[in-house]
């Protein structure tokens, strides 16, 4: 019986690996991609992981005791999820400090505001509501994983620097653990026919929509603020280039992110069925034990 249980748990496991990356930000530049607006958008979005991911860790620790016995296998995956997210928010805090030091001090205020919102949610909202929000957030990462590995050529093709490595590593792991929050919500709140319909679709959808609205509110404020600061420092030629890049980025974002995101709204949405982006796991091996971009591994400078 014990052997059968272990075999079942291994079959259900998501096969995640905890990695410990090392990034050399000595070459940090605010514009690190081919498109200035793409860099601005990613730099703005970087204020999100630092507060959200510690919140997710607290949330899953609170939810673990509520898992039904048949979902006990999910606890081991949750521990790996927690370990991965711990690395994510630590690395992004380093990245975010570089942006603050580059002349954007109000980013720290926006990050603190998001952290305060999340703590208020944890204290005033139900676990069900928070898990739906968490799944909404995590489902965005799975879409971004595909974007970075299959659709980002026009933005970062041919480039290699610490910022790109950070984002590709992070979004690859978001794809890898894309099921965890979904499975928690499903295990605790979607048992039985009506719960599968109401909670499994309508309530989950509400969490996704609110998470998108809430988080985009913060990243949009960050983009607006950074753009205002940058416009004061830019030459006329640079301003014109930013205008062109913004137009190109908006088209890219609609095609590469917004269109694939629509699949998350379908009643039969299942993150496990998302196709694996090409080259994602090969890239992650650079950050695994002994890899050239792993802490303790033989480090290779970005761009080398």
Foldseek 3Di string as FASTA:
>chain_A
DVVVVVVVLVVPALPDDQFFFDADCPVPDQQQKPFNLVSLLVLLLLLPLQQVLVLVLVLVVVLLVLFPPVCVSLVVVSVSSNSNSVNLNVVSVVVNVVVCVVPQVCSVVLSVVVNVVSVCCVVPPDSLLVLLLVLLVLLLLLLVQQCLQPPCCNIHNPFWHRVSLSSNLSSLVSLSSSCNSVVSSCRRQQPDDVSCQCSVAVSSLVSNVVNCVVSVVSSVVSSVSVVVVVVVVDDPVVVVSNVVSVVVVVVSCCVRRVVVCVLVNDSPDDSVPPDNHPPSVVSNVLRHVQHCRHVVHVDDHIPD
